[in-house]
Amino acid sequence: MSSQQNPSTHADVDIVDEHGHGHSIAAWAGVGVCLVGFLILCLAVVFTSLVWGIVGGAVIVASLVVAYVLAKAGFGVKGADGKPVGVGRPKR
């Protein structure tokens, strides 16, 4: 017999989404902005443009700011009150 618990025994918690794993508006927005920054940076390498390289790097740094601000505004894995939000969270 396995020493691991059966996930189906936890009726009030979704084990797969237990820690959020970035399933939030803040995470998706941060990744989206970061991808745009990497696209700009890649084009800067292909077309050898220092200015666009700096712009791409700035957009990548801005993606961290976007994700942080949205998370603090309550759109992250935890709400503005610090409690977990979303489907599959423990019922309080």
Protein backbone atom coordinates (compact mmCIF):
# COMPACT_ATOMS: atom_id res chain seq x y z
CA MET A 1 0.00 0.00 0.00
CA SER A 2 1.29 3.44 -0.89
CA SER A 3 2.05 6.01 1.81
CA GLN A 4 0.65 8.81 -0.36
CA GLN A 5 -2.81 10.14 0.34
CA ASN A 6 -5.52 9.70 -2.23
CA PRO A 7 -6.38 13.17 -3.67
CA SER A 8 -10.05 12.22 -3.80
CA THR A 9 -10.21 12.14 0.01
CA HIS A 10 -9.90 15.94 0.14
CA ALA A 11 -13.41 16.92 -0.88
CA ASP A 12 -13.05 20.59 0.02
CA VAL A 13 -9.64 21.24 -1.60
CA ASP A 14 -8.50 20.88 -5.19
CA ILE A 15 -5.01 19.37 -4.80
CA VAL A 16 -3.98 20.19 -8.37
CA ASP A 17 -4.56 23.89 -7.80
CA GLU A 18 -3.45 23.91 -4.16
CA HIS A 19 -0.72 26.53 -4.55
CA GLY A 20 -2.17 28.51 -7.43
CA HIS A 21 0.72 27.82 -9.81
CA GLY A 22 0.27 31.20 -11.44
CA HIS A 23 -3.35 30.76 -12.47
CA SER A 24 -4.22 34.40 -11.96
CA ILE A 25 -4.78 37.53 -13.98
CA ALA A 26 -1.61 39.04 -12.50
CA ALA A 27 0.53 36.11 -13.60
CA TRP A 28 -0.92 35.92 -17.10
CA ALA A 29 -0.58 39.68 -17.62
CA GLY A 30 3.02 39.59 -16.40
CA VAL A 31 3.90 36.72 -18.72
CA GLY A 32 2.14 38.38 -21.66
CA VAL A 33 4.02 41.65 -21.23
CA CYS A 34 7.27 39.73 -20.74
CA LEU A 35 6.72 37.82 -24.00
CA VAL A 36 6.24 41.09 -25.85
CA GLY A 37 9.49 42.32 -24.31
CA PHE A 38 11.34 39.20 -25.43
CA LEU A 39 9.90 39.59 -28.93
CA ILE A 40 11.20 43.16 -29.10
CA LEU A 41 14.56 42.01 -27.73
CA CYS A 42 14.80 39.20 -30.31
CA LEU A 43 14.04 41.61 -33.14
CA ALA A 44 16.69 43.96 -31.76
CA VAL A 45 19.25 41.16 -32.00
CA VAL A 46 18.22 40.23 -35.54
CA PHE A 47 18.27 43.82 -36.77
CA THR A 48 21.23 44.84 -34.53
CA SER A 49 19.54 47.79 -32.87
CA LEU A 50 20.79 48.90 -29.46
CA VAL A 51 17.82 51.22 -28.94
CA TRP A 52 15.27 48.43 -29.47
CA GLY A 53 17.38 46.17 -27.25
CA ILE A 54 17.07 48.68 -24.43
CA VAL A 55 13.34 49.06 -25.10
CA GLY A 56 12.89 45.27 -25.00
CA GLY A 57 14.79 45.05 -21.73
CA ALA A 58 12.69 47.85 -20.25
CA VAL A 59 9.48 46.07 -21.26
CA ILE A 60 10.73 42.87 -19.59
CA VAL A 61 11.41 44.77 -16.37
CA ALA A 62 8.00 46.46 -16.70
CA SER A 63 6.37 43.03 -16.79
CA LEU A 64 7.57 42.42 -13.24
CA VAL A 65 6.02 45.71 -12.17
CA VAL A 66 2.74 44.88 -13.93
CA ALA A 67 2.50 41.47 -12.23
CA TYR A 68 3.37 42.91 -8.81
CA VAL A 69 0.88 45.77 -9.03
CA LEU A 70 -1.93 43.50 -10.22
CA ALA A 71 -1.17 40.97 -7.47
CA LYS A 72 -1.29 43.69 -4.82
CA ALA A 73 -4.56 44.97 -6.32
CA GLY A 74 -6.16 41.58 -5.65
CA PHE A 75 -5.80 39.92 -9.05
CA GLY A 76 -3.12 37.45 -7.92
CA VAL A 77 -3.38 34.00 -6.38
CA LYS A 78 -4.25 35.74 -3.13
CA GLY A 79 -6.84 38.50 -2.97
CA ALA A 80 -6.28 41.99 -1.63
CA ASP A 81 -7.13 40.67 1.86
CA GLY A 82 -4.38 38.00 1.64
CA LYS A 83 -6.75 35.04 1.49
CA PRO A 84 -6.57 32.53 -1.38
CA VAL A 85 -9.11 33.13 -4.14
CA GLY A 86 -10.43 31.14 -7.07
CA VAL A 87 -12.07 27.85 -7.77
CA GLY A 88 -10.72 24.91 -5.83
CA ARG A 89 -9.55 26.89 -2.82
CA PRO A 90 -10.34 25.73 0.71
CA LYS A 91 -13.76 26.89 1.83
CA ARG A 92 -13.62 29.41 4.68
